[in-house]
């Protein structure tokens, strides 16, 4: 919530909830990914609206750490990885990636 407020995002909904319990549909699901990407996709796919109105297609945006080559392999033709360390200088972000996956 603090980030959205700081950068002026208005059309944002926040839920601290298990995805299994979320029924609503959104343009983007944003998550700190604490499970394998393929498992996360299975959980959130039901919550992504089929048609988008944004510059990016609707989908999943998540923060992941560690070696991701194996995890993104099933999605290699559609996923985009970002080095979070390019945006944040704290040591914590040195090994973190942002993953965008259109769904």
C-alpha atoms as a PDB file:
ATOM      1  CA  UNK A   1       0.000   0.000   0.000  1.00  0.00           C
ATOM      2  CA  UNK A   2       2.842   2.351   0.850  1.00  0.00           C
ATOM      3  CA  UNK A   3       4.407   1.986  -2.599  1.00  0.00           C
ATOM      4  CA  UNK A   4       1.108   2.608  -4.401  1.00  0.00           C
ATOM      5  CA  UNK A   5       0.480   5.675  -2.277  1.00  0.00           C
ATOM      6  CA  UNK A   6       4.017   6.987  -2.749  1.00  0.00           C
ATOM      7  CA  UNK A   7       3.848   6.775  -6.543  1.00  0.00           C
ATOM      8  CA  UNK A   8       0.224   7.883  -6.834  1.00  0.00           C
ATOM      9  CA  UNK A   9      -1.497   4.679  -7.964  1.00  0.00           C
ATOM     10  CA  UNK A  10      -5.253   5.029  -7.545  1.00  0.00           C
ATOM     11  CA  UNK A  11      -6.884   1.951  -9.087  1.00  0.00           C
ATOM     12  CA  UNK A  12      -5.267  -0.628  -6.783  1.00  0.00           C
ATOM     13  CA  UNK A  13      -6.758  -3.247  -4.465  1.00  0.00           C
ATOM     14  CA  UNK A  14      -4.692  -4.870  -1.720  1.00  0.00           C
ATOM     15  CA  UNK A  15      -5.381  -8.242  -0.191  1.00  0.00           C
ATOM     16  CA  UNK A  16      -3.219 -10.112   2.257  1.00  0.00           C
ATOM     17  CA  UNK A  17      -4.880 -13.448   1.627  1.00  0.00           C
ATOM     18  CA  UNK A  18      -4.223 -16.938   0.377  1.00  0.00           C
ATOM     19  CA  UNK A  19      -4.946 -17.033  -3.381  1.00  0.00           C
ATOM     20  CA  UNK A  20      -7.174 -20.060  -2.943  1.00  0.00           C
ATOM     21  CA  UNK A  21      -9.601 -17.765  -1.076  1.00  0.00           C
ATOM     22  CA  UNK A  22      -9.588 -14.846  -3.538  1.00  0.00           C
ATOM     23  CA  UNK A  23     -12.553 -14.835  -5.932  1.00  0.00           C
ATOM     24  CA  UNK A  24     -12.237 -11.432  -7.628  1.00  0.00           C
ATOM     25  CA  UNK A  25     -10.646 -10.881 -11.058  1.00  0.00           C
ATOM     26  CA  UNK A  26      -7.937  -8.296 -11.758  1.00  0.00           C
ATOM     27  CA  UNK A  27      -5.832  -7.003 -14.625  1.00  0.00           C
ATOM     28  CA  UNK A  28      -2.680  -7.962 -12.737  1.00  0.00           C
ATOM     29  CA  UNK A  29      -1.944 -10.167  -9.769  1.00  0.00           C
ATOM     30  CA  UNK A  30       1.175  -8.952  -7.959  1.00  0.00           C
ATOM     31  CA  UNK A  31       2.847 -11.331  -5.553  1.00  0.00           C
ATOM     32  CA  UNK A  32       5.960 -12.114  -3.651  1.00  0.00           C
ATOM     33  CA  UNK A  33       6.387 -15.584  -5.072  1.00  0.00           C
ATOM     34  CA  UNK A  34       7.151 -18.088  -2.347  1.00  0.00           C
ATOM     35  CA  UNK A  35       6.353 -21.170  -4.417  1.00  0.00           C
ATOM     36  CA  UNK A  36       7.447 -22.487  -7.805  1.00  0.00           C
ATOM     37  CA  UNK A  37       6.246 -20.264 -10.649  1.00  0.00           C
ATOM     38  CA  UNK A  38       4.197 -23.022 -12.324  1.00  0.00           C
ATOM     39  CA  UNK A  39       2.292 -23.637  -9.062  1.00  0.00           C
ATOM     40  CA  UNK A  40       1.709 -19.910  -8.582  1.00  0.00           C
ATOM     41  CA  UNK A  41       0.370 -19.604 -12.136  1.00  0.00           C
ATOM     42  CA  UNK A  42      -2.132 -22.406 -11.455  1.00  0.00           C
ATOM     43  CA  UNK A  43      -3.398 -20.544  -8.384  1.00  0.00           C
ATOM     44  CA  UNK A  44      -3.698 -17.045  -9.855  1.00  0.00           C
ATOM     45  CA  UNK A  45      -4.846 -17.757 -13.407  1.00  0.00           C
ATOM     46  CA  UNK A  46      -8.476 -17.786 -12.270  1.00  0.00           C
ATOM     47  CA  UNK A  47      -8.044 -14.265 -10.886  1.00  0.00           C
ATOM     48  CA  UNK A  48      -6.733 -12.588 -14.053  1.00  0.00           C
ATOM     49  CA  UNK A  49      -9.281 -10.909 -16.311  1.00  0.00           C
ATOM     50  CA  UNK A  50      -9.219 -12.310 -19.860  1.00  0.00           C
ATOM     51  CA  UNK A  51      -9.254  -8.912 -21.604  1.00  0.00           C
ATOM     52  CA  UNK A  52      -6.894  -6.086 -20.803  1.00  0.00           C
ATOM     53  CA  UNK A  53      -7.003  -2.326 -21.215  1.00  0.00           C
ATOM     54  CA  UNK A  54      -3.381  -1.583 -20.275  1.00  0.00           C
ATOM     55  CA  UNK A  55      -0.127  -1.209 -22.175  1.00  0.00           C
ATOM     56  CA  UNK A  56       0.888  -4.680 -20.935  1.00  0.00           C
ATOM     57  CA  UNK A  57      -1.317  -7.748 -21.310  1.00  0.00           C
ATOM     58  CA  UNK A  58      -3.046  -8.857 -18.106  1.00  0.00           C
ATOM     59  CA  UNK A  59      -1.063 -11.307 -16.048  1.00  0.00           C
ATOM     60  CA  UNK A  60       1.175 -12.061 -13.095  1.00  0.00           C
ATOM     61  CA  UNK A  61       3.905  -9.802 -11.733  1.00  0.00           C
ATOM     62  CA  UNK A  62       5.983 -11.318  -8.970  1.00  0.00           C
ATOM     63  CA  UNK A  63       9.205 -10.989  -7.020  1.00  0.00           C
ATOM     64  CA  UNK A  64      11.362 -14.112  -7.133  1.00  0.00           C
ATOM     65  CA  UNK A  65      14.793 -14.978  -5.842  1.00  0.00           C
ATOM     66  CA  UNK A  66      17.299 -17.670  -6.604  1.00  0.00           C
ATOM     67  CA  UNK A  67      18.063 -19.495  -9.822  1.00  0.00           C
ATOM     68  CA  UNK A  68      15.016 -19.120 -12.042  1.00  0.00           C
ATOM     69  CA  UNK A  69      16.048 -20.700 -15.348  1.00  0.00           C
ATOM     70  CA  UNK A  70      14.320 -23.985 -14.528  1.00  0.00           C
ATOM     71  CA  UNK A  71      11.176 -22.250 -13.175  1.00  0.00           C
ATOM     72  CA  UNK A  72      10.675 -19.964 -16.162  1.00  0.00           C
ATOM     73  CA  UNK A  73      11.540 -22.635 -18.747  1.00  0.00           C
ATOM     74  CA  UNK A  74       7.865 -23.572 -19.370  1.00  0.00           C
ATOM     75  CA  UNK A  75       7.128 -19.862 -19.914  1.00  0.00           C
ATOM     76  CA  UNK A  76      10.378 -18.819 -21.628  1.00  0.00           C
ATOM     77  CA  UNK A  77       8.670 -17.531 -24.775  1.00  0.00           C
ATOM     78  CA  UNK A  78       6.233 -15.272 -22.923  1.00  0.00           C
ATOM     79  CA  UNK A  79       7.874 -14.325 -19.606  1.00  0.00           C
ATOM     80  CA  UNK A  80      10.031 -11.275 -18.950  1.00  0.00           C
ATOM     81  CA  UNK A  81      12.599 -11.098 -16.136  1.00  0.00           C
ATOM     82  CA  UNK A  82      13.878  -7.870 -14.613  1.00  0.00           C
ATOM     83  CA  UNK A  83      16.881  -7.446 -12.336  1.00  0.00           C
ATOM     84  CA  UNK A  84      15.415  -5.715  -9.299  1.00  0.00           C
ATOM     85  CA  UNK A  85      18.907  -4.494  -8.387  1.00  0.00           C
ATOM     86  CA  UNK A  86      18.624  -2.081 -11.332  1.00  0.00           C
ATOM     87  CA  UNK A  87      15.861  -0.290  -9.427  1.00  0.00           C
ATOM     88  CA  UNK A  88      16.863  -0.755  -5.771  1.00  0.00           C
ATOM     89  CA  UNK A  89      20.380  -0.547  -4.337  1.00  0.00           C
ATOM     90  CA  UNK A  90      19.793  -2.462  -1.096  1.00  0.00           C
ATOM     91  CA  UNK A  91      21.766  -5.714  -0.774  1.00  0.00           C
ATOM     92  CA  UNK A  92      18.537  -7.716  -0.370  1.00  0.00           C
ATOM     93  CA  UNK A  93      17.625  -7.063  -4.016  1.00  0.00           C
ATOM     94  CA  UNK A  94      20.942  -8.213  -5.525  1.00  0.00           C
ATOM     95  CA  UNK A  95      19.612 -11.718  -6.170  1.00  0.00           C
ATOM     96  CA  UNK A  96      15.965 -10.818  -6.786  1.00  0.00           C
ATOM     97  CA  UNK A  97      14.137 -10.750 -10.097  1.00  0.00           C
ATOM     98  CA  UNK A  98      10.853  -9.304 -11.142  1.00  0.00           C
ATOM     99  CA  UNK A  99       8.912 -11.710 -13.337  1.00  0.00           C
ATOM    100  CA  UNK A 100       6.121 -10.628 -15.683  1.00  0.00           C
ATOM    101  CA  UNK A 101       4.025 -13.396 -17.149  1.00  0.00           C
ATOM    102  CA  UNK A 102       1.033 -12.608 -19.374  1.00  0.00           C
ATOM    103  CA  UNK A 103      -1.900 -14.873 -18.591  1.00  0.00           C
END
